[in-house]
C-alpha atoms as a PDB file:
ATOM      1  CA  UNK A   1     -13.766-147.694-189.384  1.00  0.00           C
ATOM      2  CA  UNK A   2     -11.504-148.471-186.405  1.00  0.00           C
ATOM      3  CA  UNK A   3     -10.480-152.030-185.812  1.00  0.00           C
ATOM      4  CA  UNK A   4     -12.021-154.105-183.052  1.00  0.00           C
ATOM      5  CA  UNK A   5      -8.781-153.900-181.081  1.00  0.00           C
ATOM      6  CA  UNK A   6      -8.840-150.091-181.152  1.00  0.00           C
ATOM      7  CA  UNK A   7     -12.523-150.025-180.150  1.00  0.00           C
ATOM      8  CA  UNK A   8     -11.837-152.355-177.232  1.00  0.00           C
ATOM      9  CA  UNK A   9      -8.983-150.105-176.088  1.00  0.00           C
ATOM     10  CA  UNK A  10     -11.252-147.063-176.230  1.00  0.00           C
ATOM     11  CA  UNK A  11     -14.000-148.889-174.331  1.00  0.00           C
ATOM     12  CA  UNK A  12     -11.485-149.907-171.660  1.00  0.00           C
ATOM     13  CA  UNK A  13     -10.309-146.301-171.340  1.00  0.00           C
ATOM     14  CA  UNK A  14     -13.914-145.094-170.959  1.00  0.00           C
ATOM     15  CA  UNK A  15     -14.621-147.766-168.308  1.00  0.00           C
ATOM     16  CA  UNK A  16     -11.447-146.874-166.390  1.00  0.00           C
ATOM     17  CA  UNK A  17     -12.285-143.167-166.439  1.00  0.00           C
ATOM     18  CA  UNK A  18     -15.907-143.870-165.520  1.00  0.00           C
ATOM     19  CA  UNK A  19     -14.765-145.782-162.425  1.00  0.00           C
ATOM     20  CA  UNK A  20     -12.555-142.855-161.415  1.00  0.00           C
ATOM     21  CA  UNK A  21     -15.480-140.477-161.864  1.00  0.00           C
ATOM     22  CA  UNK A  22     -17.744-142.698-159.736  1.00  0.00           C
ATOM     23  CA  UNK A  23     -15.205-142.795-156.881  1.00  0.00           C
ATOM     24  CA  UNK A  24     -14.261-139.102-157.066  1.00  0.00           C
ATOM     25  CA  UNK A  25     -15.463-136.514-154.599  1.00  0.00           C
ATOM     26  CA  UNK A  26     -14.213-133.662-156.787  1.00  0.00           C
ATOM     27  CA  UNK A  27     -13.428-133.444-160.494  1.00  0.00           C
ATOM     28  CA  UNK A  28     -12.164-130.272-162.136  1.00  0.00           C
ATOM     29  CA  UNK A  29     -11.871-129.944-165.900  1.00  0.00           C
ATOM     30  CA  UNK A  30      -9.444-127.323-167.159  1.00  0.00           C
ATOM     31  CA  UNK A  31      -8.165-125.983-170.452  1.00  0.00           C
ATOM     32  CA  UNK A  32      -4.412-126.251-170.513  1.00  0.00           C
ATOM     33  CA  UNK A  33      -3.705-124.745-173.957  1.00  0.00           C
ATOM     34  CA  UNK A  34      -0.427-122.808-173.908  1.00  0.00           C
ATOM     35  CA  UNK A  35       1.113-124.420-170.828  1.00  0.00           C
ATOM     36  CA  UNK A  36       4.843-125.160-171.047  1.00  0.00           C
ATOM     37  CA  UNK A  37       6.218-128.584-170.187  1.00  0.00           C
ATOM     38  CA  UNK A  38       8.010-127.155-167.146  1.00  0.00           C
ATOM     39  CA  UNK A  39       4.844-125.472-165.853  1.00  0.00           C
ATOM     40  CA  UNK A  40       2.786-128.581-166.551  1.00  0.00           C
ATOM     41  CA  UNK A  41       5.252-130.722-164.618  1.00  0.00           C
ATOM     42  CA  UNK A  42       5.161-128.289-161.680  1.00  0.00           C
ATOM     43  CA  UNK A  43       1.352-128.230-161.685  1.00  0.00           C
ATOM     44  CA  UNK A  44       1.137-132.022-161.875  1.00  0.00           C
ATOM     45  CA  UNK A  45       3.491-132.388-158.910  1.00  0.00           C
ATOM     46  CA  UNK A  46       1.460-129.878-156.845  1.00  0.00           C
ATOM     47  CA  UNK A  47      -1.763-131.719-157.590  1.00  0.00           C
ATOM     48  CA  UNK A  48      -0.293-135.167-156.983  1.00  0.00           C
ATOM     49  CA  UNK A  49       1.395-134.078-153.726  1.00  0.00           C
ATOM     50  CA  UNK A  50      -2.033-134.138-152.080  1.00  0.00           C
ATOM     51  CA  UNK A  51      -2.930-137.576-153.459  1.00  0.00           C
ATOM     52  CA  UNK A  52      -4.968-136.287-156.392  1.00  0.00           C
ATOM     53  CA  UNK A  53      -4.713-137.232-160.063  1.00  0.00           C
ATOM     54  CA  UNK A  54      -4.035-135.032-163.087  1.00  0.00           C
ATOM     55  CA  UNK A  55      -4.211-136.247-166.666  1.00  0.00           C
ATOM     56  CA  UNK A  56      -5.216-135.224-170.175  1.00  0.00           C
ATOM     57  CA  UNK A  57      -8.077-137.022-171.911  1.00  0.00           C
ATOM     58  CA  UNK A  58     -10.028-136.526-175.122  1.00  0.00           C
ATOM     59  CA  UNK A  59     -13.333-134.710-174.680  1.00  0.00           C
ATOM     60  CA  UNK A  60     -15.290-137.560-176.258  1.00  0.00           C
ATOM     61  CA  UNK A  61     -13.789-140.010-173.751  1.00  0.00           C
ATOM     62  CA  UNK A  62     -14.740-137.676-170.895  1.00  0.00           C
ATOM     63  CA  UNK A  63     -18.268-137.385-172.273  1.00  0.00           C
ATOM     64  CA  UNK A  64     -18.782-141.156-172.568  1.00  0.00           C
ATOM     65  CA  UNK A  65     -17.204-141.812-169.147  1.00  0.00           C
ATOM     66  CA  UNK A  66     -19.353-139.133-167.506  1.00  0.00           C
ATOM     67  CA  UNK A  67     -22.523-140.627-168.962  1.00  0.00           C
ATOM     68  CA  UNK A  68     -21.467-144.089-167.774  1.00  0.00           C
ATOM     69  CA  UNK A  69     -20.838-142.646-164.289  1.00  0.00           C
ATOM     70  CA  UNK A  70     -24.241-140.934-164.229  1.00  0.00           C
ATOM     71  CA  UNK A  71     -22.882-137.390-164.564  1.00  0.00           C
ATOM     72  CA  UNK A  72     -24.941-135.160-166.837  1.00  0.00           C
ATOM     73  CA  UNK A  73     -23.656-131.982-168.476  1.00  0.00           C
ATOM     74  CA  UNK A  74     -20.142-132.854-169.618  1.00  0.00           C
ATOM     75  CA  UNK A  75     -20.983-133.549-173.239  1.00  0.00           C
ATOM     76  CA  UNK A  76     -20.332-130.054-174.618  1.00  0.00           C
ATOM     77  CA  UNK A  77     -16.622-129.737-173.880  1.00  0.00           C
ATOM     78  CA  UNK A  78     -14.407-127.932-176.372  1.00  0.00           C
ATOM     79  CA  UNK A  79     -10.665-127.494-176.643  1.00  0.00           C
ATOM     80  CA  UNK A  80      -7.924-129.459-174.912  1.00  0.00           C
ATOM     81  CA  UNK A  81      -9.019-130.734-171.506  1.00  0.00           C
ATOM     82  CA  UNK A  82      -6.993-131.710-168.453  1.00  0.00           C
ATOM     83  CA  UNK A  83      -8.749-133.543-165.628  1.00  0.00           C
ATOM     84  CA  UNK A  84      -8.055-133.195-161.905  1.00  0.00           C
ATOM     85  CA  UNK A  85      -9.593-135.947-159.774  1.00  0.00           C
ATOM     86  CA  UNK A  86      -9.715-135.967-155.978  1.00  0.00           C
ATOM     87  CA  UNK A  87     -10.999-138.943-154.011  1.00  0.00           C
ATOM     88  CA  UNK A  88     -10.751-137.426-150.528  1.00  0.00           C
ATOM     89  CA  UNK A  89     -10.866-133.640-150.618  1.00  0.00           C
ATOM     90  CA  UNK A  90     -12.972-130.929-152.237  1.00  0.00           C
ATOM     91  CA  UNK A  91     -10.961-127.834-151.383  1.00  0.00           C
ATOM     92  CA  UNK A  92      -7.305-128.681-152.051  1.00  0.00           C
ATOM     93  CA  UNK A  93      -7.581-129.468-155.773  1.00  0.00           C
ATOM     94  CA  UNK A  94      -9.779-126.399-156.277  1.00  0.00           C
ATOM     95  CA  UNK A  95      -7.191-124.238-154.494  1.00  0.00           C
ATOM     96  CA  UNK A  96      -4.262-125.541-156.535  1.00  0.00           C
ATOM     97  CA  UNK A  97      -6.045-125.189-159.880  1.00  0.00           C
ATOM     98  CA  UNK A  98      -7.537-121.790-159.030  1.00  0.00           C
ATOM     99  CA  UNK A  99      -4.197-120.396-157.812  1.00  0.00           C
ATOM    100  CA  UNK A 100      -2.501-121.638-160.963  1.00  0.00           C
ATOM    101  CA  UNK A 101      -5.231-120.136-163.168  1.00  0.00           C
ATOM    102  CA  UNK A 102      -4.840-116.763-161.386  1.00  0.00           C
ATOM    103  CA  UNK A 103      -1.121-116.714-162.191  1.00  0.00           C
ATOM    104  CA  UNK A 104      -1.470-117.942-165.800  1.00  0.00           C
ATOM    105  CA  UNK A 105      -4.034-116.301-168.082  1.00  0.00           C
ATOM    106  CA  UNK A 106      -3.982-119.150-170.585  1.00  0.00           C
ATOM    107  CA  UNK A 107      -4.974-121.777-167.996  1.00  0.00           C
ATOM    108  CA  UNK A 108      -8.709-121.759-167.294  1.00  0.00           C
ATOM    109  CA  UNK A 109     -11.184-123.807-165.319  1.00  0.00           C
ATOM    110  CA  UNK A 110     -13.944-125.186-167.552  1.00  0.00           C
ATOM    111  CA  UNK A 111     -16.244-126.874-165.062  1.00  0.00           C
ATOM    112  CA  UNK A 112     -16.259-128.890-161.851  1.00  0.00           C
ATOM    113  CA  UNK A 113     -18.067-131.965-160.606  1.00  0.00           C
ATOM    114  CA  UNK A 114     -18.704-132.350-156.885  1.00  0.00           C
ATOM    115  CA  UNK A 115     -20.149-135.651-155.662  1.00  0.00           C
ATOM    116  CA  UNK A 116     -21.430-136.432-159.153  1.00  0.00           C
ATOM    117  CA  UNK A 117     -23.131-133.056-159.692  1.00  0.00           C
ATOM    118  CA  UNK A 118     -21.817-130.523-162.196  1.00  0.00           C
ATOM    119  CA  UNK A 119     -20.849-127.163-160.675  1.00  0.00           C
ATOM    120  CA  UNK A 120     -19.837-124.009-162.501  1.00  0.00           C
ATOM    121  CA  UNK A 121     -16.548-122.125-162.370  1.00  0.00           C
ATOM    122  CA  UNK A 122     -17.839-119.694-159.732  1.00  0.00           C
ATOM    123  CA  UNK A 123     -18.588-122.569-157.356  1.00  0.00           C
ATOM    124  CA  UNK A 124     -15.129-124.070-157.928  1.00  0.00           C
ATOM    125  CA  UNK A 125     -13.641-120.677-157.042  1.00  0.00           C
ATOM    126  CA  UNK A 126     -15.811-120.505-153.894  1.00  0.00           C
ATOM    127  CA  UNK A 127     -14.436-123.890-152.848  1.00  0.00           C
ATOM    128  CA  UNK A 128     -10.921-122.613-153.485  1.00  0.00           C
ATOM    129  CA  UNK A 129     -11.519-119.740-151.060  1.00  0.00           C
ATOM    130  CA  UNK A 130     -12.375-122.101-148.176  1.00  0.00           C
ATOM    131  CA  UNK A 131      -9.732-123.119-145.634  1.00  0.00           C
ATOM    132  CA  UNK A 132      -8.038-126.461-146.275  1.00  0.00           C
ATOM    133  CA  UNK A 133      -9.035-129.610-144.392  1.00  0.00           C
ATOM    134  CA  UNK A 134      -5.929-129.377-142.193  1.00  0.00           C
ATOM    135  CA  UNK A 135      -6.721-125.758-141.331  1.00  0.00           C
ATOM    136  CA  UNK A 136     -10.302-126.671-140.448  1.00  0.00           C
ATOM    137  CA  UNK A 137      -9.067-129.518-138.220  1.00  0.00           C
ATOM    138  CA  UNK A 138      -6.691-127.089-136.543  1.00  0.00           C
ATOM    139  CA  UNK A 139      -9.503-124.595-135.948  1.00  0.00           C
ATOM    140  CA  UNK A 140     -11.720-127.337-134.496  1.00  0.00           C
ATOM    141  CA  UNK A 141      -8.954-128.598-132.212  1.00  0.00           C
ATOM    142  CA  UNK A 142      -8.269-125.064-131.026  1.00  0.00           C
ATOM    143  CA  UNK A 143     -11.949-124.482-130.255  1.00  0.00           C
ATOM    144  CA  UNK A 144     -12.223-127.774-128.367  1.00  0.00           C
ATOM    145  CA  UNK A 145      -9.053-127.138-126.374  1.00  0.00           C
ATOM    146  CA  UNK A 146     -10.250-123.629-125.524  1.00  0.00           C
ATOM    147  CA  UNK A 147     -13.471-125.027-124.052  1.00  0.00           C
ATOM    148  CA  UNK A 148     -11.568-127.650-122.068  1.00  0.00           C
ATOM    149  CA  UNK A 149      -9.172-124.975-120.771  1.00  0.00           C
ATOM    150  CA  UNK A 150     -12.106-122.765-119.721  1.00  0.00           C
ATOM    151  CA  UNK A 151     -13.718-125.704-117.900  1.00  0.00           C
ATOM    152  CA  UNK A 152     -10.448-126.413-116.086  1.00  0.00           C
ATOM    153  CA  UNK A 153     -10.200-122.765-114.969  1.00  0.00           C
ATOM    154  CA  UNK A 154     -13.796-122.761-113.658  1.00  0.00           C
ATOM    155  CA  UNK A 155     -13.262-126.047-111.788  1.00  0.00           C
ATOM    156  CA  UNK A 156     -10.013-124.742-110.270  1.00  0.00           C
ATOM    157  CA  UNK A 157     -11.748-121.550-109.114  1.00  0.00           C
ATOM    158  CA  UNK A 158     -14.553-123.605-107.552  1.00  0.00           C
ATOM    159  CA  UNK A 159     -11.964-125.776-105.761  1.00  0.00           C
ATOM    160  CA  UNK A 160     -10.154-122.684-104.424  1.00  0.00           C
ATOM    161  CA  UNK A 161     -13.441-121.169-103.199  1.00  0.00           C
ATOM    162  CA  UNK A 162     -14.340-124.431-101.429  1.00  0.00           C
ATOM    163  CA  UNK A 163     -10.890-124.511 -99.812  1.00  0.00           C
ATOM    164  CA  UNK A 164     -11.375-120.919 -98.499  1.00  0.00           C
ATOM    165  CA  UNK A 165     -14.816-121.731 -97.049  1.00  0.00           C
ATOM    166  CA  UNK A 166     -13.637-124.877 -95.296  1.00  0.00           C
END
């Protein structure tokens, strides 16, 4: 039987992870078995470059934290699990993890959680195929500027026509 100190440490870890899960927009659970230290370091830096978190946690801790956060369906995890948590973006962490999994057969996506709802691997891959937030902003800005430019051209043509008729 674990000591009270050990139990308190485990409870604190579950509470900390539960809070992260509650705040997260996107959570991706992966199996990292077979990854080298160098590859793991590279993957961690890619994930953290966008302000996301990457860490390894015991499956039982994930299960208890998910239940505490109101997330159902994460209690049947098997094998070593790495967790990617994003507080601001859905697409970027999915892209990074999916691209890495494509290049490394041993690295697999187990499941995702989007806004507190469990999603399967296929849905995580669909998210990974979407343009990034910056690309979407760029597309929106381009569309808005195009409309403004077209309005300016029409107004200029109307001004020229009025000048000819006067």
